[in-house]
Amino acid sequence: LYLQTMSLKPEDTAVYYCSVGDYWGEGTL
């Protein structure tokens, strides 16, 4: 799965997680 981010803003700063059902990854900052 992908998320292409563009025109990033300071308020986009976060840990990003993907999920399927009740499963989660550990995130990427």
mmCIF file of all heavy atoms, coordinates in Angstrom:
data_MODEL
# 
_entry.id   MODEL 
# 
loop_
_atom_site.group_PDB 
_atom_site.id 
_atom_site.type_symbol 
_atom_site.label_atom_id 
_atom_site.label_alt_id 
_atom_site.label_comp_id 
_atom_site.label_asym_id 
_atom_site.label_entity_id 
_atom_site.label_seq_id 
_atom_site.pdbx_PDB_ins_code 
_atom_site.Cartn_x 
_atom_site.Cartn_y 
_atom_site.Cartn_z 
_atom_site.occupancy 
_atom_site.B_iso_or_equiv 
_atom_site.pdbx_formal_charge 
_atom_site.auth_seq_id 
_atom_site.auth_comp_id 
_atom_site.auth_asym_id 
_atom_site.auth_atom_id 
_atom_site.pdbx_PDB_model_num 
ATOM 1   N N   . LEU A 1 1  ? 0.847   -1.181  0.000  1.00 0.00 ? 1  LEU A N   1 
ATOM 2   C CA  . LEU A 1 1  ? 0.000   0.000   0.000  1.00 0.00 ? 1  LEU A CA  1 
ATOM 3   C C   . LEU A 1 1  ? 0.887   1.238   0.000  1.00 0.00 ? 1  LEU A C   1 
ATOM 4   O O   . LEU A 1 1  ? 1.937   1.246   0.642  1.00 0.00 ? 1  LEU A O   1 
ATOM 5   C CB  . LEU A 1 1  ? -0.892  -0.004  1.240  1.00 0.00 ? 1  LEU A CB  1 
ATOM 6   C CG  . LEU A 1 1  ? -1.804  1.200   1.468  1.00 0.00 ? 1  LEU A CG  1 
ATOM 7   C CD1 . LEU A 1 1  ? -2.965  1.173   0.492  1.00 0.00 ? 1  LEU A CD1 1 
ATOM 8   C CD2 . LEU A 1 1  ? -2.294  1.224   2.908  1.00 0.00 ? 1  LEU A CD2 1 
ATOM 9   N N   . TYR A 1 2  ? 0.460   2.303   -0.695 1.00 0.00 ? 2  TYR A N   1 
ATOM 10  C CA  . TYR A 1 2  ? 1.235   3.528   -0.786 1.00 0.00 ? 2  TYR A CA  1 
ATOM 11  C C   . TYR A 1 2  ? 0.411   4.745   -0.384 1.00 0.00 ? 2  TYR A C   1 
ATOM 12  O O   . TYR A 1 2  ? -0.817  4.754   -0.492 1.00 0.00 ? 2  TYR A O   1 
ATOM 13  C CB  . TYR A 1 2  ? 1.744   3.759   -2.214 1.00 0.00 ? 2  TYR A CB  1 
ATOM 14  C CG  . TYR A 1 2  ? 2.652   2.677   -2.741 1.00 0.00 ? 2  TYR A CG  1 
ATOM 15  C CD1 . TYR A 1 2  ? 2.163   1.689   -3.587 1.00 0.00 ? 2  TYR A CD1 1 
ATOM 16  C CD2 . TYR A 1 2  ? 3.998   2.649   -2.399 1.00 0.00 ? 2  TYR A CD2 1 
ATOM 17  C CE1 . TYR A 1 2  ? 2.994   0.701   -4.078 1.00 0.00 ? 2  TYR A CE1 1 
ATOM 18  C CE2 . TYR A 1 2  ? 4.830   1.660   -2.883 1.00 0.00 ? 2  TYR A CE2 1 
ATOM 19  C CZ  . TYR A 1 2  ? 4.321   0.688   -3.728 1.00 0.00 ? 2  TYR A CZ  1 
ATOM 20  O OH  . TYR A 1 2  ? 5.154   -0.292  -4.214 1.00 0.00 ? 2  TYR A OH  1 
ATOM 21  N N   . LEU A 1 3  ? 1.104   5.782   0.073  1.00 0.00 ? 3  LEU A N   1 
ATOM 22  C CA  . LEU A 1 3  ? 0.519   7.099   0.254  1.00 0.00 ? 3  LEU A CA  1 
ATOM 23  C C   . LEU A 1 3  ? 1.494   8.115   -0.318 1.00 0.00 ? 3  LEU A C   1 
ATOM 24  O O   . LEU A 1 3  ? 2.559   8.348   0.251  1.00 0.00 ? 3  LEU A O   1 
ATOM 25  C CB  . LEU A 1 3  ? 0.239   7.398   1.724  1.00 0.00 ? 3  LEU A CB  1 
ATOM 26  C CG  . LEU A 1 3  ? -0.511  8.708   1.993  1.00 0.00 ? 3  LEU A CG  1 
ATOM 27  C CD1 . LEU A 1 3  ? -1.952  8.608   1.479  1.00 0.00 ? 3  LEU A CD1 1 
ATOM 28  C CD2 . LEU A 1 3  ? -0.502  9.059   3.477  1.00 0.00 ? 3  LEU A CD2 1 
ATOM 29  N N   . GLN A 1 4  ? 1.143   8.693   -1.464 1.00 0.00 ? 4  GLN A N   1 
ATOM 30  C CA  . GLN A 1 4  ? 1.952   9.734   -2.077 1.00 0.00 ? 4  GLN A CA  1 
ATOM 31  C C   . GLN A 1 4  ? 1.538   11.069  -1.479 1.00 0.00 ? 4  GLN A C   1 
ATOM 32  O O   . GLN A 1 4  ? 0.385   11.475  -1.623 1.00 0.00 ? 4  GLN A O   1 
ATOM 33  C CB  . GLN A 1 4  ? 1.758   9.755   -3.592 1.00 0.00 ? 4  GLN A CB  1 
ATOM 34  C CG  . GLN A 1 4  ? 2.544   10.840  -4.309 1.00 0.00 ? 4  GLN A CG  1 
ATOM 35  C CD  . GLN A 1 4  ? 4.038   10.614  -4.260 1.00 0.00 ? 4  GLN A CD  1 
ATOM 36  O OE1 . GLN A 1 4  ? 4.524   9.576   -4.713 1.00 0.00 ? 4  GLN A OE1 1 
ATOM 37  N NE2 . GLN A 1 4  ? 4.778   11.569  -3.699 1.00 0.00 ? 4  GLN A NE2 1 
ATOM 38  N N   . THR A 1 5  ? 2.466   11.734  -0.800 1.00 0.00 ? 5  THR A N   1 
ATOM 39  C CA  . THR A 1 5  ? 2.184   13.019  -0.180 1.00 0.00 ? 5  THR A CA  1 
ATOM 40  C C   . THR A 1 5  ? 2.846   14.127  -0.993 1.00 0.00 ? 5  THR A C   1 
ATOM 41  O O   . THR A 1 5  ? 3.995   13.998  -1.422 1.00 0.00 ? 5  THR A O   1 
ATOM 42  C CB  . THR A 1 5  ? 2.683   13.072  1.269  1.00 0.00 ? 5  THR A CB  1 
ATOM 43  O OG1 . THR A 1 5  ? 4.108   13.089  1.294  1.00 0.00 ? 5  THR A OG1 1 
ATOM 44  C CG2 . THR A 1 5  ? 2.172   11.869  2.048  1.00 0.00 ? 5  THR A CG2 1 
ATOM 45  N N   . MET A 1 6  ? 2.110   15.224  -1.213 1.00 0.00 ? 6  MET A N   1 
ATOM 46  C CA  . MET A 1 6  ? 2.591   16.357  -1.991 1.00 0.00 ? 6  MET A CA  1 
ATOM 47  C C   . MET A 1 6  ? 2.261   17.663  -1.285 1.00 0.00 ? 6  MET A C   1 
ATOM 48  O O   . MET A 1 6  ? 1.356   17.709  -0.459 1.00 0.00 ? 6  MET A O   1 
ATOM 49  C CB  . MET A 1 6  ? 1.956   16.342  -3.385 1.00 0.00 ? 6  MET A CB  1 
ATOM 50  C CG  . MET A 1 6  ? 2.313   15.139  -4.232 1.00 0.00 ? 6  MET A CG  1 
ATOM 51  S SD  . MET A 1 6  ? 1.211   14.947  -5.668 1.00 0.00 ? 6  MET A SD  1 
ATOM 52  C CE  . MET A 1 6  ? -0.255  14.342  -4.855 1.00 0.00 ? 6  MET A CE  1 
ATOM 53  N N   . SER A 1 7  ? 3.004   18.714  -1.639 1.00 0.00 ? 7  SER A N   1 
ATOM 54  C CA  . SER A 1 7  ? 2.777   20.040  -1.059 1.00 0.00 ? 7  SER A CA  1 
ATOM 55  C C   . SER A 1 7  ? 2.692   19.959  0.457  1.00 0.00 ? 7  SER A C   1 
ATOM 56  O O   . SER A 1 7  ? 1.777   20.509  1.083  1.00 0.00 ? 7  SER A O   1 
ATOM 57  C CB  . SER A 1 7  ? 1.503   20.662  -1.638 1.00 0.00 ? 7  SER A CB  1 
ATOM 58  O OG  . SER A 1 7  ? 1.587   20.772  -3.042 1.00 0.00 ? 7  SER A OG  1 
ATOM 59  N N   . LEU A 1 8  ? 3.657   19.293  1.054  1.00 0.00 ? 8  LEU A N   1 
ATOM 60  C CA  . LEU A 1 8  ? 3.617   19.041  2.492  1.00 0.00 ? 8  LEU A CA  1 
ATOM 61  C C   . LEU A 1 8  ? 3.705   20.327  3.300  1.00 0.00 ? 8  LEU A C   1 
ATOM 62  O O   . LEU A 1 8  ? 4.426   21.266  2.934  1.00 0.00 ? 8  LEU A O   1 
ATOM 63  C CB  . LEU A 1 8  ? 4.738   18.088  2.885  1.00 0.00 ? 8  LEU A CB  1 
ATOM 64  C CG  . LEU A 1 8  ? 4.487   16.630  2.496  1.00 0.00 ? 8  LEU A CG  1 
ATOM 65  C CD1 . LEU A 1 8  ? 5.778   15.829  2.562  1.00 0.00 ? 8  LEU A CD1 1 
ATOM 66  C CD2 . LEU A 1 8  ? 3.433   16.013  3.422  1.00 0.00 ? 8  LEU A CD2 1 
ATOM 67  N N   . LYS A 1 9  ? 2.973   20.352  4.404  1.00 0.00 ? 9  LYS A N   1 
ATOM 68  C CA  . LYS A 1 9  ? 2.906   21.491  5.308  1.00 0.00 ? 9  LYS A CA  1 
ATOM 69  C C   . LYS A 1 9  ? 3.429   21.080  6.679  1.00 0.00 ? 9  LYS A C   1 
ATOM 70  O O   . LYS A 1 9  ? 3.402   19.898  7.025  1.00 0.00 ? 9  LYS A O   1 
ATOM 71  C CB  . LYS A 1 9  ? 1.463   21.983  5.441  1.00 0.00 ? 9  LYS A CB  1 
ATOM 72  C CG  . LYS A 1 9  ? 0.776   22.303  4.129  1.00 0.00 ? 9  LYS A CG  1 
ATOM 73  C CD  . LYS A 1 9  ? -0.699  22.620  4.352  1.00 0.00 ? 9  LYS A CD  1 
ATOM 74  C CE  . LYS A 1 9  ? -1.399  22.919  3.044  1.00 0.00 ? 9  LYS A CE  1 
ATOM 75  N NZ  . LYS A 1 9  ? -2.839  23.214  3.252  1.00 0.00 ? 9  LYS A NZ  1 
ATOM 76  N N   . PRO A 1 10 ? 3.889   22.038  7.489  1.00 0.00 ? 10 PRO A N   1 
ATOM 77  C CA  . PRO A 1 10 ? 4.349   21.689  8.835  1.00 0.00 ? 10 PRO A CA  1 
ATOM 78  C C   . PRO A 1 10 ? 3.307   20.918  9.643  1.00 0.00 ? 10 PRO A C   1 
ATOM 79  O O   . PRO A 1 10 ? 3.673   20.037  10.428 1.00 0.00 ? 10 PRO A O   1 
ATOM 80  C CB  . PRO A 1 10 ? 4.653   23.050  9.467  1.00 0.00 ? 10 PRO A CB  1 
ATOM 81  C CG  . PRO A 1 10 ? 5.044   23.903  8.311  1.00 0.00 ? 10 PRO A CG  1 
ATOM 82  C CD  . PRO A 1 10 ? 4.147   23.455  7.177  1.00 0.00 ? 10 PRO A CD  1 
ATOM 83  N N   . GLU A 1 11 ? 2.031   21.213  9.446  1.00 0.00 ? 11 GLU A N   1 
ATOM 84  C CA  . GLU A 1 11 ? 0.984   20.517  10.177 1.00 0.00 ? 11 GLU A CA  1 
ATOM 85  C C   . GLU A 1 11 ? 0.797   19.067  9.739  1.00 0.00 ? 11 GLU A C   1 
ATOM 86  O O   . GLU A 1 11 ? 0.036   18.325  10.370 1.00 0.00 ? 11 GLU A O   1 
ATOM 87  C CB  . GLU A 1 11 ? -0.352  21.268  10.089 1.00 0.00 ? 11 GLU A CB  1 
ATOM 88  C CG  . GLU A 1 11 ? -0.775  21.615  8.676  1.00 0.00 ? 11 GLU A CG  1 
ATOM 89  C CD  . GLU A 1 11 ? -0.401  23.036  8.290  1.00 0.00 ? 11 GLU A CD  1 
ATOM 90  O OE1 . GLU A 1 11 ? 0.732   23.460  8.585  1.00 0.00 ? 11 GLU A OE1 1 
ATOM 91  O OE2 . GLU A 1 11 ? -1.256  23.733  7.694  1.00 0.00 ? 11 GLU A OE2 1 
ATOM 92  N N   . ASP A 1 12 ? 1.469   18.647  8.663  1.00 0.00 ? 12 ASP A N   1 
ATOM 93  C CA  . ASP A 1 12 ? 1.460   17.246  8.261  1.00 0.00 ? 12 ASP A CA  1 
ATOM 94  C C   . ASP A 1 12 ? 2.450   16.408  9.065  1.00 0.00 ? 12 ASP A C   1 
ATOM 95  O O   . ASP A 1 12 ? 2.464   15.181  8.926  1.00 0.00 ? 12 ASP A O   1 
ATOM 96  C CB  . ASP A 1 12 ? 1.782   17.099  6.771  1.00 0.00 ? 12 ASP A CB  1 
ATOM 97  C CG  . ASP A 1 12 ? 0.709   17.687  5.875  1.00 0.00 ? 12 ASP A CG  1 
ATOM 98  O OD1 . ASP A 1 12 ? -0.495  17.503  6.173  1.00 0.00 ? 12 ASP A OD1 1 
ATOM 99  O OD2 . ASP A 1 12 ? 1.072   18.328  4.867  1.00 0.00 ? 12 ASP A OD2 1 
ATOM 100 N N   . THR A 1 13 ? 3.276   17.052  9.863  1.00 0.00 ? 13 THR A N   1 
ATOM 101 C CA  . THR A 1 13 ? 4.248   16.336  10.690 1.00 0.00 ? 13 THR A CA  1 
ATOM 102 C C   . THR A 1 13 ? 3.524   15.372  11.620 1.00 0.00 ? 13 THR A C   1 
ATOM 103 O O   . THR A 1 13 ? 2.659   15.771  12.398 1.00 0.00 ? 13 THR A O   1 
ATOM 104 C CB  . THR A 1 13 ? 5.094   17.315  11.504 1.00 0.00 ? 13 THR A CB  1 
ATOM 105 O OG1 . THR A 1 13 ? 5.881   18.122  10.622 1.00 0.00 ? 13 THR A OG1 1 
ATOM 106 C CG2 . THR A 1 13 ? 6.018   16.575  12.455 1.00 0.00 ? 13 THR A CG2 1 
ATOM 107 N N   . ALA A 1 14 ? 3.875   14.094  11.528 1.00 0.00 ? 14 ALA A N   1 
ATOM 108 C CA  . ALA A 1 14 ? 3.197   13.071  12.314 1.00 0.00 ? 14 ALA A CA  1 
ATOM 109 C C   . ALA A 1 14 ? 3.846   11.721  12.068 1.00 0.00 ? 14 ALA A C   1 
ATOM 110 O O   . ALA A 1 14 ? 4.627   11.558  11.134 1.00 0.00 ? 14 ALA A O   1 
ATOM 111 C CB  . ALA A 1 14 ? 1.709   12.996  11.935 1.00 0.00 ? 14 ALA A CB  1 
ATOM 112 N N   . VAL A 1 15 ? 3.505   10.758  12.908 1.00 0.00 ? 15 VAL A N   1 
ATOM 113 C CA  . VAL A 1 15 ? 3.807   9.366   12.636 1.00 0.00 ? 15 VAL A CA  1 
ATOM 114 C C   . VAL A 1 15 ? 2.650   8.806   11.823 1.00 0.00 ? 15 VAL A C   1 
ATOM 115 O O   . VAL A 1 15 ? 1.493   8.909   12.238 1.00 0.00 ? 15 VAL A O   1 
ATOM 116 C CB  . VAL A 1 15 ? 4.007   8.551   13.923 1.00 0.00 ? 15 VAL A CB  1 
ATOM 117 C CG1 . VAL A 1 15 ? 4.249   7.080   13.595 1.00 0.00 ? 15 VAL A CG1 1 
ATOM 118 C CG2 . VAL A 1 15 ? 5.174   9.109   14.723 1.00 0.00 ? 15 VAL A CG2 1 
ATOM 119 N N   . TYR A 1 16 ? 2.947   8.230   10.674 1.00 0.00 ? 16 TYR A N   1 
ATOM 120 C CA  . TYR A 1 16 ? 1.932   7.698   9.774  1.00 0.00 ? 16 TYR A CA  1 
ATOM 121 C C   . TYR A 1 16 ? 1.869   6.177   9.905  1.00 0.00 ? 16 TYR A C   1 
ATOM 122 O O   . TYR A 1 16 ? 2.895   5.496   9.840  1.00 0.00 ? 16 TYR A O   1 
ATOM 123 C CB  . TYR A 1 16 ? 2.235   8.084   8.328  1.00 0.00 ? 16 TYR A CB  1 
ATOM 124 C CG  . TYR A 1 16 ? 1.929   9.532   8.034  1.00 0.00 ? 16 TYR A CG  1 
ATOM 125 C CD1 . TYR A 1 16 ? 2.744   10.545  8.532  1.00 0.00 ? 16 TYR A CD1 1 
ATOM 126 C CD2 . TYR A 1 16 ? 0.815   9.893   7.274  1.00 0.00 ? 16 TYR A CD2 1 
ATOM 127 C CE1 . TYR A 1 16 ? 2.451   11.876  8.289  1.00 0.00 ? 16 TYR A CE1 1 
ATOM 128 C CE2 . TYR A 1 16 ? 0.527   11.219  7.021  1.00 0.00 ? 16 TYR A CE2 1 
ATOM 129 C CZ  . TYR A 1 16 ? 1.344   12.209  7.531  1.00 0.00 ? 16 TYR A CZ  1 
ATOM 130 O OH  . TYR A 1 16 ? 1.049   13.533  7.279  1.00 0.00 ? 16 TYR A OH  1 
ATOM 131 N N   . TYR A 1 17 ? 0.645   5.657   10.087 1.00 0.00 ? 17 TYR A N   1 
ATOM 132 C CA  . TYR A 1 17 ? 0.405   4.236   10.272 1.00 0.00 ? 17 TYR A CA  1 
ATOM 133 C C   . TYR A 1 17 ? -0.509  3.705   9.173  1.00 0.00 ? 17 TYR A C   1 
ATOM 134 O O   . TYR A 1 17 ? -1.451  4.378   8.766  1.00 0.00 ? 17 TYR A O   1 
ATOM 135 C CB  . TYR A 1 17 ? -0.285  3.964   11.609 1.00 0.00 ? 17 TYR A CB  1 
ATOM 136 C CG  . TYR A 1 17 ? 0.443   4.446   12.842 1.00 0.00 ? 17 TYR A CG  1 
ATOM 137 C CD1 . TYR A 1 17 ? 0.204   5.719   13.355 1.00 0.00 ? 17 TYR A CD1 1 
ATOM 138 C CD2 . TYR A 1 17 ? 1.346   3.626   13.505 1.00 0.00 ? 17 TYR A CD2 1 
ATOM 139 C CE1 . TYR A 1 17 ? 0.852   6.163   14.491 1.00 0.00 ? 17 TYR A CE1 1 
ATOM 140 C CE2 . TYR A 1 17 ? 1.993   4.063   14.641 1.00 0.00 ? 17 TYR A CE2 1 
ATOM 141 C CZ  . TYR A 1 17 ? 1.740   5.332   15.135 1.00 0.00 ? 17 TYR A CZ  1 
ATOM 142 O OH  . TYR A 1 17 ? 2.384   5.763   16.264 1.00 0.00 ? 17 TYR A OH  1 
ATOM 143 N N   . CYS A 1 18 ? -0.264  2.483   8.727  1.00 0.00 ? 18 CYS A N   1 
ATOM 144 C CA  . CYS A 1 18 ? -1.218  1.799   7.865  1.00 0.00 ? 18 CYS A CA  1 
ATOM 145 C C   . CYS A 1 18 ? -1.888  0.685   8.660  1.00 0.00 ? 18 CYS A C   1 
ATOM 146 O O   . CYS A 1 18 ? -1.340  0.181   9.638  1.00 0.00 ? 18 CYS A O   1 
ATOM 147 C CB  . CYS A 1 18 ? -0.558  1.245   6.593  1.00 0.00 ? 18 CYS A CB  1 
ATOM 148 S SG  . CYS A 1 18 ? 0.627   -0.093  6.853  1.00 0.00 ? 18 CYS A SG  1 
ATOM 149 N N   . SER A 1 19 ? -3.098  0.320   8.233  1.00 0.00 ? 19 SER A N   1 
ATOM 150 C CA  . SER A 1 19 ? -3.824  -0.718  8.942  1.00 0.00 ? 19 SER A CA  1 
ATOM 151 C C   . SER A 1 19 ? -4.692  -1.525  7.990  1.00 0.00 ? 19 SER A C   1 
ATOM 152 O O   . SER A 1 19 ? -5.121  -1.045  6.948  1.00 0.00 ? 19 SER A O   1 
ATOM 153 C CB  . SER A 1 19 ? -4.691  -0.121  10.053 1.00 0.00 ? 19 SER A CB  1 
ATOM 154 O OG  . SER A 1 19 ? -5.769  0.628   9.515  1.00 0.00 ? 19 SER A OG  1 
ATOM 155 N N   . VAL A 1 20 ? -4.947  -2.770  8.372  1.00 0.00 ? 20 VAL A N   1 
ATOM 156 C CA  . VAL A 1 20 ? -5.888  -3.646  7.693  1.00 0.00 ? 20 VAL A CA  1 
ATOM 157 C C   . VAL A 1 20 ? -6.614  -4.425  8.778  1.00 0.00 ? 20 VAL A C   1 
ATOM 158 O O   . VAL A 1 20 ? -5.984  -5.065  9.623  1.00 0.00 ? 20 VAL A O   1 
ATOM 159 C CB  . VAL A 1 20 ? -5.187  -4.581  6.682  1.00 0.00 ? 20 VAL A CB  1 
ATOM 160 C CG1 . VAL A 1 20 ? -4.089  -5.398  7.350  1.00 0.00 ? 20 VAL A CG1 1 
ATOM 161 C CG2 . VAL A 1 20 ? -6.197  -5.483  5.993  1.00 0.00 ? 20 VAL A CG2 1 
ATOM 162 N N   . GLY A 1 21 ? -7.945  -4.337  8.788  1.00 0.00 ? 21 GLY A N   1 
ATOM 163 C CA  . GLY A 1 21 ? -8.688  -4.939  9.878  1.00 0.00 ? 21 GLY A CA  1 
ATOM 164 C C   . GLY A 1 21 ? -8.219  -4.389  11.203 1.00 0.00 ? 21 GLY A C   1 
ATOM 165 O O   . GLY A 1 21 ? -8.136  -3.175  11.398 1.00 0.00 ? 21 GLY A O   1 
ATOM 166 N N   . ASP A 1 22 ? -7.872  -5.262  12.136 1.00 0.00 ? 22 ASP A N   1 
ATOM 167 C CA  . ASP A 1 22 ? -7.375  -4.855  13.446 1.00 0.00 ? 22 ASP A CA  1 
ATOM 168 C C   . ASP A 1 22 ? -5.853  -4.863  13.540 1.00 0.00 ? 22 ASP A C   1 
ATOM 169 O O   . ASP A 1 22 ? -5.302  -4.741  14.640 1.00 0.00 ? 22 ASP A O   1 
ATOM 170 C CB  . ASP A 1 22 ? -7.954  -5.760  14.535 1.00 0.00 ? 22 ASP A CB  1 
ATOM 171 C CG  . ASP A 1 22 ? -9.440  -5.552  14.740 1.00 0.00 ? 22 ASP A CG  1 
ATOM 172 O OD1 . ASP A 1 22 ? -9.919  -4.419  14.536 1.00 0.00 ? 22 ASP A OD1 1 
ATOM 173 O OD2 . ASP A 1 22 ? -10.130 -6.527  15.108 1.00 0.00 ? 22 ASP A OD2 1 
ATOM 174 N N   . TYR A 1 23 ? -5.175  -4.990  12.410 1.00 0.00 ? 23 TYR A N   1 
ATOM 175 C CA  . TYR A 1 23 ? -3.721  -5.027  12.391 1.00 0.00 ? 23 TYR A CA  1 
ATOM 176 C C   . TYR A 1 23 ? -3.152  -3.668  12.036 1.00 0.00 ? 23 TYR A C   1 
ATOM 177 O O   . TYR A 1 23 ? -3.672  -2.962  11.159 1.00 0.00 ? 23 TYR A O   1 
ATOM 178 C CB  . TYR A 1 23 ? -3.215  -6.087  11.405 1.00 0.00 ? 23 TYR A CB  1 
ATOM 179 C CG  . TYR A 1 23 ? -3.576  -7.490  11.803 1.00 0.00 ? 23 TYR A CG  1 
ATOM 180 C CD1 . TYR A 1 23 ? -4.726  -8.101  11.312 1.00 0.00 ? 23 TYR A CD1 1 
ATOM 181 C CD2 . TYR A 1 23 ? -2.763  -8.218  12.672 1.00 0.00 ? 23 TYR A CD2 1 
ATOM 182 C CE1 . TYR A 1 23 ? -5.061  -9.385  11.688 1.00 0.00 ? 23 TYR A CE1 1 
ATOM 183 C CE2 . TYR A 1 23 ? -3.096  -9.504  13.046 1.00 0.00 ? 23 TYR A CE2 1 
ATOM 184 C CZ  . TYR A 1 23 ? -4.243  -10.082 12.548 1.00 0.00 ? 23 TYR A CZ  1 
ATOM 185 O OH  . TYR A 1 23 ? -4.566  -11.364 12.921 1.00 0.00 ? 23 TYR A OH  1 
ATOM 186 N N   . TRP A 1 24 ? -2.062  -3.299  12.700 1.00 0.00 ? 24 TRP A N   1 
ATOM 187 C CA  . TRP A 1 24 ? -1.384  -2.022  12.513 1.00 0.00 ? 24 TRP A CA  1 
ATOM 188 C C   . TRP A 1 24 ? 0.114   -2.222  12.368 1.00 0.00 ? 24 TRP A C   1 
ATOM 189 O O   . TRP A 1 24 ? 0.685   -3.133  12.957 1.00 0.00 ? 24 TRP A O   1 
ATOM 190 C CB  . TRP A 1 24 ? -1.630  -1.090  13.704 1.00 0.00 ? 24 TRP A CB  1 
ATOM 191 C CG  . TRP A 1 24 ? -3.044  -0.668  13.884 1.00 0.00 ? 24 TRP A CG  1 
ATOM 192 C CD1 . TRP A 1 24 ? -4.085  -1.441  14.310 1.00 0.00 ? 24 TRP A CD1 1 
ATOM 193 C CD2 . TRP A 1 24 ? -3.579  0.641   13.665 1.00 0.00 ? 24 TRP A CD2 1 
ATOM 194 N NE1 . TRP A 1 24 ? -5.234  -0.702  14.360 1.00 0.00 ? 24 TRP A NE1 1 
ATOM 195 C CE2 . TRP A 1 24 ? -4.958  0.580   13.975 1.00 0.00 ? 24 TRP A CE2 1 
ATOM 196 C CE3 . TRP A 1 24 ? -3.027  1.848   13.240 1.00 0.00 ? 24 TRP A CE3 1 
ATOM 197 C CZ2 . TRP A 1 24 ? -5.788  1.697   13.872 1.00 0.00 ? 24 TRP A CZ2 1 
ATOM 198 C CZ3 . TRP A 1 24 ? -3.852  2.949   13.144 1.00 0.00 ? 24 TRP A CZ3 1 
ATOM 199 C CH2 . TRP A 1 24 ? -5.209  2.868   13.453 1.00 0.00 ? 24 TRP A CH2 1 
ATOM 200 N N   . GLY A 1 25 ? 0.734   -1.347  11.595 1.00 0.00 ? 25 GLY A N   1 
ATOM 201 C CA  . GLY A 1 25 ? 2.178   -1.295  11.588 1.00 0.00 ? 25 GLY A CA  1 
ATOM 202 C C   . GLY A 1 25 ? 2.675   -0.431  12.737 1.00 0.00 ? 25 GLY A C   1 
ATOM 203 O O   . GLY A 1 25 ? 1.886   0.099   13.532 1.00 0.00 ? 25 GLY A O   1 
ATOM 204 N N   . GLU A 1 26 ? 3.981   -0.271  12.842 1.00 0.00 ? 26 GLU A N   1 
ATOM 205 C CA  . GLU A 1 26 ? 4.571   0.528   13.918 1.00 0.00 ? 26 GLU A CA  1 
ATOM 206 C C   . GLU A 1 26 ? 4.790   1.976   13.520 1.00 0.00 ? 26 GLU A C   1 
ATOM 207 O O   . GLU A 1 26 ? 5.188   2.791   14.352 1.00 0.00 ? 26 GLU A O   1 
ATOM 208 C CB  . GLU A 1 26 ? 5.879   -0.101  14.387 1.00 0.00 ? 26 GLU A CB  1 
ATOM 209 C CG  . GLU A 1 26 ? 5.666   -1.454  15.061 1.00 0.00 ? 26 GLU A CG  1 
ATOM 210 C CD  . GLU A 1 26 ? 6.903   -1.979  15.736 1.00 0.00 ? 26 GLU A CD  1 
ATOM 211 O OE1 . GLU A 1 26 ? 7.945   -1.307  15.679 1.00 0.00 ? 26 GLU A OE1 1 
ATOM 212 O OE2 . GLU A 1 26 ? 6.818   -3.072  16.335 1.00 0.00 ? 26 GLU A OE2 1 
ATOM 213 N N   . GLY A 1 27 ? 4.533   2.318   12.276 1.00 0.00 ? 27 GLY A N   1 
ATOM 214 C CA  . GLY A 1 27 ? 4.535   3.698   11.834 1.00 0.00 ? 27 GLY A CA  1 
ATOM 215 C C   . GLY A 1 27 ? 5.853   4.157   11.238 1.00 0.00 ? 27 GLY A C   1 
ATOM 216 O O   . GLY A 1 27 ? 6.905   3.574   11.468 1.00 0.00 ? 27 GLY A O   1 
ATOM 217 N N   . THR A 1 28 ? 5.771   5.239   10.460 1.00 0.00 ? 28 THR A N   1 
ATOM 218 C CA  . THR A 1 28 ? 6.944   5.903   9.915  1.00 0.00 ? 28 THR A CA  1 
ATOM 219 C C   . THR A 1 28 ? 6.786   7.409   10.136 1.00 0.00 ? 28 THR A C   1 
ATOM 220 O O   . THR A 1 28 ? 5.711   7.967   9.909  1.00 0.00 ? 28 THR A O   1 
ATOM 221 C CB  . THR A 1 28 ? 7.147   5.570   8.420  1.00 0.00 ? 28 THR A CB  1 
ATOM 222 O OG1 . THR A 1 28 ? 8.362   6.158   7.949  1.00 0.00 ? 28 THR A OG1 1 
ATOM 223 C CG2 . THR A 1 28 ? 5.984   6.060   7.566  1.00 0.00 ? 28 THR A CG2 1 
ATOM 224 N N   . LEU A 1 29 ? 7.839   8.067   10.598 1.00 0.00 ? 29 LEU A N   1 
ATOM 225 C CA  . LEU A 1 29 ? 7.766   9.469   10.993 1.00 0.00 ? 29 LEU A CA  1 
ATOM 226 C C   . LEU A 1 29 ? 8.021   10.391  9.809  1.00 0.00 ? 29 LEU A C   1 
ATOM 227 O O   . LEU A 1 29 ? 9.031   10.265  9.106  1.00 0.00 ? 29 LEU A O   1 
ATOM 228 C CB  . LEU A 1 29 ? 8.785   9.759   12.098 1.00 0.00 ? 29 LEU A CB  1 
ATOM 229 C CG  . LEU A 1 29 ? 8.909   11.217  12.555 1.00 0.00 ? 29 LEU A CG  1 
ATOM 230 C CD1 . LEU A 1 29 ? 7.600   11.705  13.162 1.00 0.00 ? 29 LEU A CD1 1 
ATOM 231 C CD2 . LEU A 1 29 ? 10.045  11.365  13.548 1.00 0.00 ? 29 LEU A CD2 1 
# 
